[in-house]
PDB file of N, CA and C in Angstrom:
ATOM      1  N   UNK A   1      31.335  28.644   8.017  1.00  0.00           N
ATOM      2  CA  UNK A   1      31.138  29.698   8.585  1.00  0.00           C
ATOM      3  C   UNK A   1      32.453  30.775   8.589  1.00  0.00           C
ATOM      4  N   UNK A   2      33.503  30.210   8.620  1.00  0.00           N
ATOM      5  CA  UNK A   2      34.658  30.945   8.473  1.00  0.00           C
ATOM      6  C   UNK A   2      34.776  31.520   7.003  1.00  0.00           C
ATOM      7  N   UNK A   3      34.346  31.009   6.088  1.00  0.00           N
ATOM      8  CA  UNK A   3      34.346  31.428   4.665  1.00  0.00           C
ATOM      9  C   UNK A   3      33.517  32.477   4.558  1.00  0.00           C
ATOM     10  N   UNK A   4      32.353  32.612   5.212  1.00  0.00           N
ATOM     11  CA  UNK A   4      31.295  33.630   5.201  1.00  0.00           C
ATOM     12  C   UNK A   4      31.922  34.968   5.917  1.00  0.00           C
ATOM     13  N   UNK A   5      32.757  34.696   6.732  1.00  0.00           N
ATOM     14  CA  UNK A   5      33.274  35.860   7.646  1.00  0.00           C
ATOM     15  C   UNK A   5      34.348  36.598   6.687  1.00  0.00           C
ATOM     16  N   UNK A   6      35.166  35.547   6.045  1.00  0.00           N
ATOM     17  CA  UNK A   6      36.194  36.168   5.227  1.00  0.00           C
ATOM     18  C   UNK A   6      35.587  36.940   4.107  1.00  0.00           C
ATOM     19  N   UNK A   7      34.540  36.512   3.535  1.00  0.00           N
ATOM     20  CA  UNK A   7      33.952  37.211   2.354  1.00  0.00           C
ATOM     21  C   UNK A   7      33.402  38.507   2.858  1.00  0.00           C
ATOM     22  N   UNK A   8      32.797  38.555   3.991  1.00  0.00           N
ATOM     23  CA  UNK A   8      32.292  39.727   4.680  1.00  0.00           C
ATOM     24  C   UNK A   8      33.381  40.890   4.960  1.00  0.00           C
ATOM     25  N   UNK A   9      34.410  40.281   5.410  1.00  0.00           N
ATOM     26  CA  UNK A   9      35.697  41.000   5.763  1.00  0.00           C
ATOM     27  C   UNK A   9      36.187  41.712   4.265  1.00  0.00           C
ATOM     28  N   UNK A  10      36.178  40.962   3.423  1.00  0.00           N
ATOM     29  CA  UNK A  10      36.766  41.372   2.030  1.00  0.00           C
ATOM     30  C   UNK A  10      35.861  42.567   1.543  1.00  0.00           C
ATOM     31  N   UNK A  11      34.501  42.430   1.629  1.00  0.00           N
ATOM     32  CA  UNK A  11      33.480  43.337   0.995  1.00  0.00           C
ATOM     33  C   UNK A  11      33.598  44.597   1.939  1.00  0.00           C
ATOM     34  N   UNK A  12      33.560  44.562   3.168  1.00  0.00           N
ATOM     35  CA  UNK A  12      33.567  45.644   4.077  1.00  0.00           C
ATOM     36  C   UNK A  12      34.773  46.355   4.509  1.00  0.00           C
ATOM     37  N   UNK A  13      35.841  45.675   4.423  1.00  0.00           N
ATOM     38  CA  UNK A  13      37.200  46.293   4.934  1.00  0.00           C
ATOM     39  C   UNK A  13      38.258  46.307   3.650  1.00  0.00           C
ATOM     40  N   UNK A  14      38.346  45.300   2.928  1.00  0.00           N
ATOM     41  CA  UNK A  14      39.444  45.304   1.921  1.00  0.00           C
ATOM     42  C   UNK A  14      39.019  46.170   0.582  1.00  0.00           C
ATOM     43  N   UNK A  15      37.839  46.112   0.246  1.00  0.00           N
ATOM     44  CA  UNK A  15      37.152  46.838  -0.922  1.00  0.00           C
ATOM     45  C   UNK A  15      37.395  48.386  -0.679  1.00  0.00           C
ATOM     46  N   UNK A  16      36.960  48.764   0.461  1.00  0.00           N
ATOM     47  CA  UNK A  16      36.969  50.268   0.714  1.00  0.00           C
ATOM     48  C   UNK A  16      38.443  50.656   0.802  1.00  0.00           C
ATOM     49  N   UNK A  17      39.283  49.960   1.341  1.00  0.00           N
ATOM     50  CA  UNK A  17      40.744  50.318   1.511  1.00  0.00           C
ATOM     51  C   UNK A  17      41.302  50.418   0.136  1.00  0.00           C
ATOM     52  N   UNK A  18      40.940  49.537  -0.685  1.00  0.00           N
ATOM     53  CA  UNK A  18      41.345  49.597  -1.957  1.00  0.00           C
ATOM     54  C   UNK A  18      40.933  50.626  -2.800  1.00  0.00           C
ATOM     55  N   UNK A  19      39.838  51.024  -2.661  1.00  0.00           N
ATOM     56  CA  UNK A  19      39.189  52.090  -3.349  1.00  0.00           C
ATOM     57  C   UNK A  19      39.817  53.455  -3.101  1.00  0.00           C
ATOM     58  N   UNK A  20      40.040  53.525  -1.569  1.00  0.00           N
ATOM     59  CA  UNK A  20      40.771  54.788  -1.204  1.00  0.00           C
ATOM     60  C   UNK A  20      42.278  54.966  -1.828  1.00  0.00           C
ATOM     61  N   UNK A  21      42.785  53.805  -1.644  1.00  0.00           N
ATOM     62  CA  UNK A  21      44.119  53.841  -2.326  1.00  0.00           C
ATOM     63  C   UNK A  21      44.220  54.275  -3.759  1.00  0.00           C
ATOM     64  N   UNK A  22      43.158  53.696  -4.576  1.00  0.00           N
ATOM     65  CA  UNK A  22      42.966  53.995  -5.880  1.00  0.00           C
ATOM     66  C   UNK A  22      42.540  55.444  -6.225  1.00  0.00           C
ATOM     67  N   UNK A  23      41.785  56.053  -5.363  1.00  0.00           N
ATOM     68  CA  UNK A  23      41.444  57.292  -5.603  1.00  0.00           C
ATOM     69  C   UNK A  23      42.631  58.289  -5.095  1.00  0.00           C
ATOM     70  N   UNK A  24      43.408  58.034  -4.215  1.00  0.00           N
ATOM     71  CA  UNK A  24      44.621  58.575  -3.958  1.00  0.00           C
ATOM     72  C   UNK A  24      45.743  58.571  -5.075  1.00  0.00           C
ATOM     73  N   UNK A  25      46.006  57.495  -5.635  1.00  0.00           N
ATOM     74  CA  UNK A  25      46.818  57.349  -6.937  1.00  0.00           C
ATOM     75  C   UNK A  25      46.251  58.255  -8.000  1.00  0.00           C
ATOM     76  N   UNK A  26      44.888  58.196  -8.173  1.00  0.00           N
ATOM     77  CA  UNK A  26      44.363  58.920  -9.312  1.00  0.00           C
ATOM     78  C   UNK A  26      44.420  60.380  -9.148  1.00  0.00           C
ATOM     79  N   UNK A  27      44.288  60.918  -7.935  1.00  0.00           N
ATOM     80  CA  UNK A  27      44.382  62.353  -7.521  1.00  0.00           C
ATOM     81  C   UNK A  27      45.852  62.668  -7.795  1.00  0.00           C
ATOM     82  N   UNK A  28      46.804  61.938  -7.454  1.00  0.00           N
ATOM     83  CA  UNK A  28      48.307  62.397  -7.658  1.00  0.00           C
ATOM     84  C   UNK A  28      48.746  62.399  -9.042  1.00  0.00           C
ATOM     85  N   UNK A  29      47.982  61.531  -9.787  1.00  0.00           N
ATOM     86  CA  UNK A  29      48.305  61.462 -11.289  1.00  0.00           C
ATOM     87  C   UNK A  29      47.671  62.736 -11.979  1.00  0.00           C
ATOM     88  N   UNK A  30      46.682  63.137 -11.532  1.00  0.00           N
ATOM     89  CA  UNK A  30      45.960  64.531 -12.095  1.00  0.00           C
ATOM     90  C   UNK A  30      46.774  65.658 -11.683  1.00  0.00           C
ATOM     91  N   UNK A  31      47.586  65.708 -10.758  1.00  0.00           N
ATOM     92  CA  UNK A  31      48.323  67.064 -10.312  1.00  0.00           C
ATOM     93  C   UNK A  31      49.328  67.257 -11.460  1.00  0.00           C
ATOM     94  N   UNK A  32      49.322  68.485 -11.793  1.00  0.00           N
ATOM     95  CA  UNK A  32      50.609  68.909 -12.781  1.00  0.00           C
ATOM     96  C   UNK A  32      51.817  68.680 -12.209  1.00  0.00           C
ATOM     97  N   UNK A  33      52.692  68.060 -12.799  1.00  0.00           N
ATOM     98  CA  UNK A  33      54.029  67.892 -12.448  1.00  0.00           C
ATOM     99  C   UNK A  33      55.023  69.035 -12.532  1.00  0.00           C
ATOM    100  N   UNK A  34      54.705  70.030 -13.471  1.00  0.00           N
ATOM    101  CA  UNK A  34      55.557  71.180 -13.699  1.00  0.00           C
ATOM    102  C   UNK A  34      55.607  72.138 -12.530  1.00  0.00           C
ATOM    103  N   UNK A  35      54.576  72.100 -11.720  1.00  0.00           N
ATOM    104  CA  UNK A  35      54.340  73.136 -10.709  1.00  0.00           C
ATOM    105  C   UNK A  35      55.453  73.046  -9.511  1.00  0.00           C
ATOM    106  N   UNK A  36      55.917  71.813  -9.297  1.00  0.00           N
ATOM    107  CA  UNK A  36      57.083  71.657  -8.347  1.00  0.00           C
ATOM    108  C   UNK A  36      58.358  72.068  -8.789  1.00  0.00           C
ATOM    109  N   UNK A  37      58.599  72.131 -10.217  1.00  0.00           N
ATOM    110  CA  UNK A  37      59.930  72.320 -10.844  1.00  0.00           C
ATOM    111  C   UNK A  37      60.270  73.716 -10.876  1.00  0.00           C
ATOM    112  N   UNK A  38      61.372  74.150 -10.351  1.00  0.00           N
ATOM    113  CA  UNK A  38      61.748  75.457 -10.283  1.00  0.00           C
ATOM    114  C   UNK A  38      62.303  75.787 -11.925  1.00  0.00           C
ATOM    115  N   UNK A  39      62.696  75.046 -12.593  1.00  0.00           N
ATOM    116  CA  UNK A  39      63.201  75.573 -14.012  1.00  0.00           C
ATOM    117  C   UNK A  39      62.240  75.237 -15.002  1.00  0.00           C
ATOM    118  N   UNK A  40      60.831  75.030 -14.582  1.00  0.00           N
ATOM    119  CA  UNK A  40      59.943  74.608 -15.724  1.00  0.00           C
ATOM    120  C   UNK A  40      59.695  75.912 -16.537  1.00  0.00           C
ATOM    121  N   UNK A  41      59.560  77.013 -16.060  1.00  0.00           N
ATOM    122  CA  UNK A  41      59.336  78.191 -17.015  1.00  0.00           C
ATOM    123  C   UNK A  41      60.414  78.358 -17.971  1.00  0.00           C
ATOM    124  N   UNK A  42      61.617  78.261 -17.419  1.00  0.00           N
ATOM    125  CA  UNK A  42      62.927  78.378 -18.402  1.00  0.00           C
ATOM    126  C   UNK A  42      62.760  77.247 -19.579  1.00  0.00           C
ATOM    127  N   UNK A  43      62.602  76.119 -19.110  1.00  0.00           N
ATOM    128  CA  UNK A  43      62.420  74.959 -20.085  1.00  0.00           C
ATOM    129  C   UNK A  43      61.352  75.108 -21.040  1.00  0.00           C
ATOM    130  N   UNK A  44      60.076  75.663 -20.496  1.00  0.00           N
ATOM    131  CA  UNK A  44      58.982  75.812 -21.406  1.00  0.00           C
ATOM    132  C   UNK A  44      59.262  76.837 -22.342  1.00  0.00           C
ATOM    133  N   UNK A  45      59.856  77.934 -22.013  1.00  0.00           N
ATOM    134  CA  UNK A  45      60.375  79.116 -22.917  1.00  0.00           C
ATOM    135  C   UNK A  45      61.210  78.683 -23.948  1.00  0.00           C
ATOM    136  N   UNK A  46      62.267  77.860 -23.565  1.00  0.00           N
ATOM    137  CA  UNK A  46      63.197  77.308 -24.498  1.00  0.00           C
ATOM    138  C   UNK A  46      62.456  76.238 -25.661  1.00  0.00           C
ATOM    139  N   UNK A  47      61.522  75.589 -25.072  1.00  0.00           N
ATOM    140  CA  UNK A  47      60.724  74.613 -25.885  1.00  0.00           C
ATOM    141  C   UNK A  47      59.863  75.511 -26.948  1.00  0.00           C
ATOM    142  N   UNK A  48      59.193  76.452 -26.478  1.00  0.00           N
ATOM    143  CA  UNK A  48      58.465  77.315 -27.447  1.00  0.00           C
ATOM    144  C   UNK A  48      59.400  77.980 -28.386  1.00  0.00           C
ATOM    145  N   UNK A  49      60.567  78.673 -27.965  1.00  0.00           N
ATOM    146  CA  UNK A  49      61.489  79.106 -29.006  1.00  0.00           C
ATOM    147  C   UNK A  49      61.896  78.039 -30.105  1.00  0.00           C
ATOM    148  N   UNK A  50      62.131  76.878 -29.662  1.00  0.00           N
ATOM    149  CA  UNK A  50      62.597  75.814 -30.642  1.00  0.00           C
ATOM    150  C   UNK A  50      61.577  75.392 -31.505  1.00  0.00           C
ATOM    151  N   UNK A  51      60.064  75.443 -31.057  1.00  0.00           N
ATOM    152  CA  UNK A  51      59.027  74.990 -31.883  1.00  0.00           C
ATOM    153  C   UNK A  51      58.851  76.317 -32.700  1.00  0.00           C
ATOM    154  N   UNK A  52      58.963  77.510 -32.404  1.00  0.00           N
ATOM    155  CA  UNK A  52      58.875  78.644 -33.471  1.00  0.00           C
ATOM    156  C   UNK A  52      59.903  78.607 -34.429  1.00  0.00           C
ATOM    157  N   UNK A  53      61.116  78.174 -34.101  1.00  0.00           N
ATOM    158  CA  UNK A  53      62.217  77.972 -34.977  1.00  0.00           C
ATOM    159  C   UNK A  53      62.123  76.905 -35.913  1.00  0.00           C
ATOM    160  N   UNK A  54      61.546  75.741 -35.516  1.00  0.00           N
ATOM    161  CA  UNK A  54      61.131  74.768 -36.517  1.00  0.00           C
ATOM    162  C   UNK A  54      60.091  74.972 -37.276  1.00  0.00           C
ATOM    163  N   UNK A  55      59.052  75.881 -36.847  1.00  0.00           N
ATOM    164  CA  UNK A  55      57.940  76.276 -37.619  1.00  0.00           C
ATOM    165  C   UNK A  55      58.515  77.050 -38.836  1.00  0.00           C
ATOM    166  N   UNK A  56      59.403  78.030 -38.479  1.00  0.00           N
ATOM    167  CA  UNK A  56      60.018  78.838 -39.472  1.00  0.00           C
ATOM    168  C   UNK A  56      60.643  78.071 -40.641  1.00  0.00           C
ATOM    169  N   UNK A  57      61.517  77.116 -40.203  1.00  0.00           N
ATOM    170  CA  UNK A  57      62.225  76.340 -41.078  1.00  0.00           C
ATOM    171  C   UNK A  57      61.280  75.412 -42.000  1.00  0.00           C
ATOM    172  N   UNK A  58      60.154  75.040 -41.406  1.00  0.00           N
ATOM    173  CA  UNK A  58      59.307  74.304 -42.281  1.00  0.00           C
ATOM    174  C   UNK A  58      58.383  75.095 -43.272  1.00  0.00           C
ATOM    175  N   UNK A  59      58.253  76.484 -42.882  1.00  0.00           N
ATOM    176  CA  UNK A  59      57.743  77.239 -43.797  1.00  0.00           C
ATOM    177  C   UNK A  59      58.544  77.641 -44.942  1.00  0.00           C
ATOM    178  N   UNK A  60      59.998  77.913 -44.476  1.00  0.00           N
ATOM    179  CA  UNK A  60      60.822  78.090 -45.563  1.00  0.00           C
ATOM    180  C   UNK A  60      61.140  76.940 -46.677  1.00  0.00           C
ATOM    181  N   UNK A  61      61.046  75.733 -46.055  1.00  0.00           N
ATOM    182  CA  UNK A  61      61.075  74.526 -46.972  1.00  0.00           C
ATOM    183  C   UNK A  61      59.701  74.530 -48.007  1.00  0.00           C
ATOM    184  N   UNK A  62      58.798  74.801 -47.415  1.00  0.00           N
ATOM    185  CA  UNK A  62      57.389  74.956 -48.117  1.00  0.00           C
ATOM    186  C   UNK A  62      57.422  75.975 -49.246  1.00  0.00           C
ATOM    187  N   UNK A  63      57.925  77.199 -48.956  1.00  0.00           N
ATOM    188  CA  UNK A  63      58.278  78.013 -49.957  1.00  0.00           C
ATOM    189  C   UNK A  63      59.275  77.756 -50.962  1.00  0.00           C
ATOM    190  N   UNK A  64      60.357  77.036 -50.749  1.00  0.00           N
ATOM    191  CA  UNK A  64      61.254  76.517 -51.654  1.00  0.00           C
ATOM    192  C   UNK A  64      60.644  75.371 -52.447  1.00  0.00           C
ATOM    193  N   UNK A  65      59.781  74.508 -51.850  1.00  0.00           N
ATOM    194  CA  UNK A  65      59.100  73.516 -52.753  1.00  0.00           C
ATOM    195  C   UNK A  65      58.253  74.234 -53.740  1.00  0.00           C
ATOM    196  N   UNK A  66      57.426  75.305 -53.303  1.00  0.00           N
ATOM    197  CA  UNK A  66      56.588  75.913 -54.171  1.00  0.00           C
ATOM    198  C   UNK A  66      57.260  76.550 -55.256  1.00  0.00           C
ATOM    199  N   UNK A  67      58.441  77.157 -55.069  1.00  0.00           N
ATOM    200  CA  UNK A  67      59.290  77.744 -56.053  1.00  0.00           C
ATOM    201  C   UNK A  67      59.734  76.677 -57.121  1.00  0.00           C
ATOM    202  N   UNK A  68      60.037  75.635 -56.497  1.00  0.00           N
ATOM    203  CA  UNK A  68      60.652  74.548 -57.447  1.00  0.00           C
ATOM    204  C   UNK A  68      59.371  74.146 -58.386  1.00  0.00           C
ATOM    205  N   UNK A  69      58.488  73.891 -57.829  1.00  0.00           N
ATOM    206  CA  UNK A  69      57.161  73.503 -58.649  1.00  0.00           C
ATOM    207  C   UNK A  69      56.815  74.433 -59.647  1.00  0.00           C
ATOM    208  N   UNK A  70      56.933  75.727 -59.462  1.00  0.00           N
ATOM    209  CA  UNK A  70      56.719  76.856 -60.476  1.00  0.00           C
ATOM    210  C   UNK A  70      57.671  76.650 -61.653  1.00  0.00           C
ATOM    211  N   UNK A  71      58.938  76.376 -61.165  1.00  0.00           N
ATOM    212  CA  UNK A  71      59.945  76.450 -62.133  1.00  0.00           C
ATOM    213  C   UNK A  71      59.792  75.190 -63.138  1.00  0.00           C
ATOM    214  N   UNK A  72      59.264  73.960 -62.442  1.00  0.00           N
ATOM    215  CA  UNK A  72      59.208  72.774 -63.180  1.00  0.00           C
ATOM    216  C   UNK A  72      57.972  72.940 -64.012  1.00  0.00           C
ATOM    217  N   UNK A  73      56.897  73.554 -63.600  1.00  0.00           N
ATOM    218  CA  UNK A  73      55.679  73.836 -64.598  1.00  0.00           C
ATOM    219  C   UNK A  73      55.963  74.813 -65.655  1.00  0.00           C
ATOM    220  N   UNK A  74      56.905  75.718 -65.529  1.00  0.00           N
ATOM    221  CA  UNK A  74      57.156  76.766 -66.503  1.00  0.00           C
ATOM    222  C   UNK A  74      58.113  76.173 -67.658  1.00  0.00           C
ATOM    223  N   UNK A  75      58.619  74.938 -67.261  1.00  0.00           N
ATOM    224  CA  UNK A  75      59.641  74.433 -68.140  1.00  0.00           C
ATOM    225  C   UNK A  75      58.977  73.846 -69.334  1.00  0.00           C
ATOM    226  N   UNK A  76      59.576  74.200 -70.629  1.00  0.00           N
ATOM    227  CA  UNK A  76      58.828  73.852 -71.947  1.00  0.00           C
ATOM    228  C   UNK A  76      59.038  72.177 -72.021  1.00  0.00           C
ATOM    229  N   UNK A  77      58.283  71.659 -72.986  1.00  0.00           N
ATOM    230  CA  UNK A  77      58.360  70.174 -73.237  1.00  0.00           C
ATOM    231  C   UNK A  77      59.596  69.986 -73.746  1.00  0.00           C
ATOM    232  N   UNK A  78      60.202  70.875 -74.530  1.00  0.00           N
ATOM    233  CA  UNK A  78      61.433  70.493 -75.355  1.00  0.00           C
ATOM    234  C   UNK A  78      62.653  70.409 -74.181  1.00  0.00           C
ATOM    235  N   UNK A  79      62.631  70.807 -73.008  1.00  0.00           N
ATOM    236  CA  UNK A  79      63.780  70.786 -72.101  1.00  0.00           C
ATOM    237  C   UNK A  79      63.826  69.467 -71.246  1.00  0.00           C
ATOM    238  N   UNK A  80      63.359  68.387 -71.785  1.00  0.00           N
ATOM    239  CA  UNK A  80      63.352  67.146 -71.023  1.00  0.00           C
ATOM    240  C   UNK A  80      64.611  66.588 -70.836  1.00  0.00           C
ATOM    241  N   UNK A  81      65.004  66.108 -69.840  1.00  0.00           N
ATOM    242  CA  UNK A  81      66.321  65.567 -69.369  1.00  0.00           C
ATOM    243  C   UNK A  81      66.981  64.649 -70.929  1.00  0.00           C
ATOM    244  N   UNK A  82      66.213  63.841 -71.479  1.00  0.00           N
ATOM    245  CA  UNK A  82      66.874  62.983 -72.600  1.00  0.00           C
ATOM    246  C   UNK A  82      67.100  63.822 -73.710  1.00  0.00           C
ATOM    247  N   UNK A  83      66.438  64.942 -73.977  1.00  0.00           N
ATOM    248  CA  UNK A  83      66.637  65.658 -75.061  1.00  0.00           C
ATOM    249  C   UNK A  83      67.784  66.755 -74.823  1.00  0.00           C
ATOM    250  N   UNK A  84      68.098  67.162 -73.580  1.00  0.00           N
ATOM    251  CA  UNK A  84      69.171  67.784 -73.318  1.00  0.00           C
ATOM    252  C   UNK A  84      70.457  66.938 -73.426  1.00  0.00           C
ATOM    253  N   UNK A  85      70.399  65.700 -73.088  1.00  0.00           N
ATOM    254  CA  UNK A  85      71.583  64.891 -73.209  1.00  0.00           C
ATOM    255  C   UNK A  85      72.067  64.855 -74.890  1.00  0.00           C
ATOM    256  N   UNK A  86      70.909  64.714 -75.599  1.00  0.00           N
ATOM    257  CA  UNK A  86      71.153  64.523 -76.953  1.00  0.00           C
ATOM    258  C   UNK A  86      71.836  65.874 -77.443  1.00  0.00           C
ATOM    259  N   UNK A  87      71.454  66.959 -77.088  1.00  0.00           N
ATOM    260  CA  UNK A  87      71.924  68.304 -77.422  1.00  0.00           C
ATOM    261  C   UNK A  87      73.298  68.423 -77.209  1.00  0.00           C
ATOM    262  N   UNK A  88      73.995  67.894 -75.986  1.00  0.00           N
ATOM    263  CA  UNK A  88      75.216  68.195 -75.536  1.00  0.00           C
ATOM    264  C   UNK A  88      76.195  67.155 -76.491  1.00  0.00           C
ATOM    265  N   UNK A  89      75.652  66.119 -77.032  1.00  0.00           N
ATOM    266  CA  UNK A  89      76.565  65.308 -77.913  1.00  0.00           C
ATOM    267  C   UNK A  89      76.656  65.627 -79.273  1.00  0.00           C
TER     268      UNK A  89
END
């Protein structure tokens, strides 16, 4: 008889309490954490500037790579490194 009472208590008392705690934890996890931070706007602005700077640097690298590829494509077959070495000696 006492096992039956424990099972009933678990289903009607412990489970709803556990569900309420889980809902509260989930609701707190969904809240944005930046809202409470006073320096969030400043940090976000700094992050945006840094990302913009990195994007410009990557674009510059890409342009340099394209330039080097054009130079290498325009090179004649007679300018291969082995033949250049033979010309020097």
